[in-house]
Amino acid sequence: MAREPKKEPDAPDLEARLRRLDEILASMESDEVALEEALRLFEEGVGHVREAEKVLSEAELRVEELLADGRTRPLEVDEE
């Protein structure tokens, strides 16, 4: 049986994290962000990236578990 990913009760989902990363990137690309604010945004962004990587790893594990019976073959993904 596939296991459910562990998630904190109020933790943002993957899509929310990606939206926030877009916002952070846009803010950091503007010329109006002070160094301290840029560092704070960078730190927040790194946290979102790490959590997103965890979510994606857990999803990959679930897919592998589902395909483990050998009746289905995984999709081929081109890595860039």
N, C-alpha and C. Protein backbone atom coordinates (compact mmCIF):
# COMPACT_ATOMS: atom_id res chain seq x y z
N MET A 1 0.83 -1.19 0.00
CA MET A 1 0.00 0.00 0.00
C MET A 1 0.87 1.24 0.00
N ALA A 2 0.55 2.22 -0.83
CA ALA A 2 1.33 3.45 -0.92
C ALA A 2 1.15 4.27 0.33
N ARG A 3 2.21 4.86 0.78
CA ARG A 3 2.11 5.69 1.97
C ARG A 3 1.84 7.13 1.59
N GLU A 4 1.11 7.80 2.45
CA GLU A 4 0.78 9.19 2.23
C GLU A 4 1.97 10.06 2.64
N PRO A 5 2.26 11.13 1.90
CA PRO A 5 3.36 12.01 2.30
C PRO A 5 3.05 12.70 3.61
N LYS A 6 4.09 12.90 4.42
CA LYS A 6 3.92 13.60 5.68
C LYS A 6 3.86 15.09 5.39
N LYS A 7 2.86 15.76 5.97
CA LYS A 7 2.68 17.17 5.72
C LYS A 7 2.27 17.84 7.01
N GLU A 8 2.89 18.97 7.30
CA GLU A 8 2.48 19.74 8.46
C GLU A 8 1.09 20.28 8.20
N PRO A 9 0.27 20.43 9.25
CA PRO A 9 -1.12 20.84 9.06
C PRO A 9 -1.31 22.11 8.22
N ASP A 10 -0.53 23.14 8.45
CA ASP A 10 -0.72 24.40 7.73
C ASP A 10 0.38 24.65 6.70
N ALA A 11 1.12 23.63 6.32
CA ALA A 11 2.19 23.79 5.35
C ALA A 11 1.60 24.02 3.96
N PRO A 12 2.19 24.94 3.20
CA PRO A 12 1.68 25.18 1.85
C PRO A 12 1.93 23.96 0.95
N ASP A 13 1.05 23.75 -0.02
CA ASP A 13 1.25 22.65 -0.95
C ASP A 13 2.28 23.04 -2.01
N LEU A 14 2.60 22.11 -2.86
CA LEU A 14 3.65 22.33 -3.86
C LEU A 14 3.32 23.53 -4.75
N GLU A 15 2.09 23.62 -5.21
CA GLU A 15 1.70 24.72 -6.09
C GLU A 15 1.85 26.07 -5.40
N ALA A 16 1.46 26.14 -4.12
CA ALA A 16 1.59 27.38 -3.37
C ALA A 16 3.06 27.75 -3.20
N ARG A 17 3.90 26.75 -2.97
CA ARG A 17 5.34 27.01 -2.84
C ARG A 17 5.91 27.55 -4.15
N LEU A 18 5.49 26.97 -5.27
CA LEU A 18 6.00 27.43 -6.56
C LEU A 18 5.53 28.85 -6.87
N ARG A 19 4.29 29.16 -6.52
CA ARG A 19 3.80 30.54 -6.70
C ARG A 19 4.61 31.51 -5.87
N ARG A 20 4.87 31.12 -4.61
CA ARG A 20 5.64 32.00 -3.73
C ARG A 20 7.06 32.17 -4.26
N LEU A 21 7.66 31.11 -4.79
CA LEU A 21 8.99 31.23 -5.37
C LEU A 21 9.00 32.21 -6.54
N ASP A 22 7.95 32.19 -7.36
CA ASP A 22 7.83 33.16 -8.45
C ASP A 22 7.77 34.59 -7.90
N GLU A 23 7.01 34.78 -6.83
CA GLU A 23 6.91 36.10 -6.21
C GLU A 23 8.26 36.56 -5.67
N ILE A 24 8.95 35.64 -5.01
CA ILE A 24 10.26 35.97 -4.44
C ILE A 24 11.23 36.35 -5.55
N LEU A 25 11.24 35.58 -6.61
CA LEU A 25 12.14 35.86 -7.73
C LEU A 25 11.85 37.24 -8.33
N ALA A 26 10.57 37.53 -8.53
CA ALA A 26 10.19 38.84 -9.09
C ALA A 26 10.66 39.97 -8.18
N SER A 27 10.49 39.79 -6.88
CA SER A 27 10.92 40.82 -5.92
C SER A 27 12.43 41.01 -5.96
N MET A 28 13.15 39.90 -6.00
CA MET A 28 14.61 39.99 -5.97
C MET A 28 15.17 40.56 -7.27
N GLU A 29 14.45 40.40 -8.37
CA GLU A 29 14.92 40.93 -9.64
C GLU A 29 14.69 42.44 -9.75
N SER A 30 13.84 42.98 -8.90
CA SER A 30 13.62 44.43 -8.94
C SER A 30 14.82 45.13 -8.32
N ASP A 31 15.03 46.34 -8.75
CA ASP A 31 16.18 47.11 -8.25
C ASP A 31 15.88 47.77 -6.91
N GLU A 32 14.67 47.60 -6.41
CA GLU A 32 14.25 48.32 -5.22
C GLU A 32 14.37 47.51 -3.93
N VAL A 33 14.95 46.31 -3.98
CA VAL A 33 15.04 45.46 -2.79
C VAL A 33 16.37 45.72 -2.10
N ALA A 34 16.28 46.06 -0.81
CA ALA A 34 17.48 46.29 -0.01
C ALA A 34 18.17 44.95 0.26
N LEU A 35 19.44 45.01 0.57
CA LEU A 35 20.23 43.80 0.79
C LEU A 35 19.62 42.90 1.86
N GLU A 36 19.24 43.46 2.99
CA GLU A 36 18.67 42.65 4.08
C GLU A 36 17.38 41.96 3.64
N GLU A 37 16.53 42.67 2.90
CA GLU A 37 15.30 42.08 2.41
C GLU A 37 15.60 40.99 1.38
N ALA A 38 16.59 41.24 0.52
CA ALA A 38 16.98 40.23 -0.48
C ALA A 38 17.48 38.96 0.21
N LEU A 39 18.25 39.11 1.26
CA LEU A 39 18.74 37.95 2.01
C LEU A 39 17.59 37.19 2.67
N ARG A 40 16.63 37.93 3.23
CA ARG A 40 15.47 37.29 3.85
C ARG A 40 14.66 36.53 2.80
N LEU A 41 14.45 37.15 1.65
CA LEU A 41 13.71 36.49 0.58
C LEU A 41 14.46 35.25 0.07
N PHE A 42 15.77 35.38 -0.06
CA PHE A 42 16.58 34.25 -0.51
C PHE A 42 16.46 33.08 0.45
N GLU A 43 16.56 33.38 1.75
CA GLU A 43 16.44 32.33 2.76
C GLU A 43 15.06 31.66 2.70
N GLU A 44 14.02 32.46 2.56
CA GLU A 44 12.68 31.90 2.44
C GLU A 44 12.57 31.02 1.19
N GLY A 45 13.14 31.50 0.09
CA GLY A 45 13.10 30.75 -1.16
C GLY A 45 13.80 29.41 -1.05
N VAL A 46 14.95 29.39 -0.40
CA VAL A 46 15.69 28.14 -0.22
C VAL A 46 14.84 27.15 0.58
N GLY A 47 14.15 27.64 1.59
CA GLY A 47 13.27 26.77 2.37
C GLY A 47 12.16 26.17 1.52
N HIS A 48 11.57 26.99 0.65
CA HIS A 48 10.51 26.49 -0.24
C HIS A 48 11.06 25.46 -1.23
N VAL A 49 12.25 25.71 -1.76
CA VAL A 49 12.85 24.77 -2.70
C VAL A 49 13.12 23.44 -2.02
N ARG A 50 13.66 23.47 -0.82
CA ARG A 50 13.95 22.22 -0.09
C ARG A 50 12.68 21.43 0.19
N GLU A 51 11.64 22.13 0.62
CA GLU A 51 10.37 21.44 0.91
C GLU A 51 9.74 20.90 -0.37
N ALA A 52 9.84 21.66 -1.47
CA ALA A 52 9.30 21.20 -2.75
C ALA A 52 10.04 19.95 -3.22
N GLU A 53 11.37 19.92 -3.02
CA GLU A 53 12.15 18.73 -3.38
C GLU A 53 11.68 17.51 -2.58
N LYS A 54 11.37 17.71 -1.30
CA LYS A 54 10.87 16.61 -0.47
C LYS A 54 9.54 16.09 -1.01
N VAL A 55 8.64 17.01 -1.34
CA VAL A 55 7.33 16.62 -1.87
C VAL A 55 7.50 15.83 -3.16
N LEU A 56 8.36 16.31 -4.05
CA LEU A 56 8.58 15.62 -5.32
C LEU A 56 9.22 14.26 -5.12
N SER A 57 10.15 14.15 -4.18
CA SER A 57 10.78 12.85 -3.88
C SER A 57 9.76 11.87 -3.35
N GLU A 58 8.88 12.33 -2.47
CA GLU A 58 7.84 11.46 -1.93
C GLU A 58 6.88 11.02 -3.03
N ALA A 59 6.56 11.92 -3.93
CA ALA A 59 5.66 11.57 -5.04
C ALA A 59 6.33 10.55 -5.95
N GLU A 60 7.62 10.71 -6.19
CA GLU A 60 8.36 9.75 -7.01
C GLU A 60 8.35 8.37 -6.36
N LEU A 61 8.55 8.33 -5.05
CA LEU A 61 8.50 7.06 -4.32
C LEU A 61 7.14 6.40 -4.44
N ARG A 62 6.09 7.18 -4.32
CA ARG A 62 4.74 6.63 -4.44
C ARG A 62 4.50 6.06 -5.83
N VAL A 63 4.97 6.76 -6.85
CA VAL A 63 4.82 6.25 -8.23
C VAL A 63 5.59 4.95 -8.38
N GLU A 64 6.81 4.89 -7.85
CA GLU A 64 7.61 3.67 -7.94
C GLU A 64 6.91 2.52 -7.23
N GLU A 65 6.30 2.80 -6.07
CA GLU A 65 5.57 1.75 -5.35
C GLU A 65 4.39 1.25 -6.17
N LEU A 66 3.69 2.18 -6.81
CA LEU A 66 2.53 1.79 -7.62
C LEU A 66 2.93 0.98 -8.84
N LEU A 67 4.10 1.25 -9.36
CA LEU A 67 4.57 0.54 -10.55
C LEU A 67 5.34 -0.73 -10.21
N ALA A 68 5.55 -0.99 -8.94
CA ALA A 68 6.39 -2.11 -8.51
C ALA A 68 5.81 -3.47 -8.88
N ASP A 69 4.53 -3.56 -9.13
CA ASP A 69 3.94 -4.86 -9.45
C ASP A 69 4.34 -5.35 -10.85
N GLY A 70 4.92 -4.48 -11.66
CA GLY A 70 5.44 -4.90 -12.96
C GLY A 70 4.42 -4.91 -14.08
N ARG A 71 3.17 -4.63 -13.79
CA ARG A 71 2.16 -4.65 -14.84
C ARG A 71 2.15 -3.37 -15.66
N THR A 72 2.72 -2.34 -15.14
CA THR A 72 2.75 -1.07 -15.86
C THR A 72 4.20 -0.63 -15.98
N ARG A 73 4.47 0.12 -17.00
CA ARG A 73 5.83 0.61 -17.13
C ARG A 73 5.84 2.12 -16.90
N PRO A 74 6.90 2.64 -16.30
CA PRO A 74 6.96 4.08 -16.00
C PRO A 74 7.07 4.90 -17.28
N LEU A 75 6.60 6.14 -17.18
CA LEU A 75 6.76 7.06 -18.30
C LEU A 75 8.22 7.45 -18.39
N GLU A 76 8.69 7.63 -19.60
CA GLU A 76 10.07 8.10 -19.77
C GLU A 76 10.07 9.60 -19.71
N VAL A 77 10.98 10.16 -18.91
CA VAL A 77 11.06 11.60 -18.73
C VAL A 77 12.41 12.06 -19.24
N ASP A 78 12.39 13.07 -20.10
CA ASP A 78 13.64 13.66 -20.57
C ASP A 78 14.16 14.60 -19.51
N GLU A 79 15.38 14.37 -19.06
CA GLU A 79 15.99 15.26 -18.09
C GLU A 79 16.85 16.26 -18.84
N GLU A 80 16.67 17.52 -18.48
CA GLU A 80 17.41 18.57 -19.16
C GLU A 80 18.64 18.93 -18.39
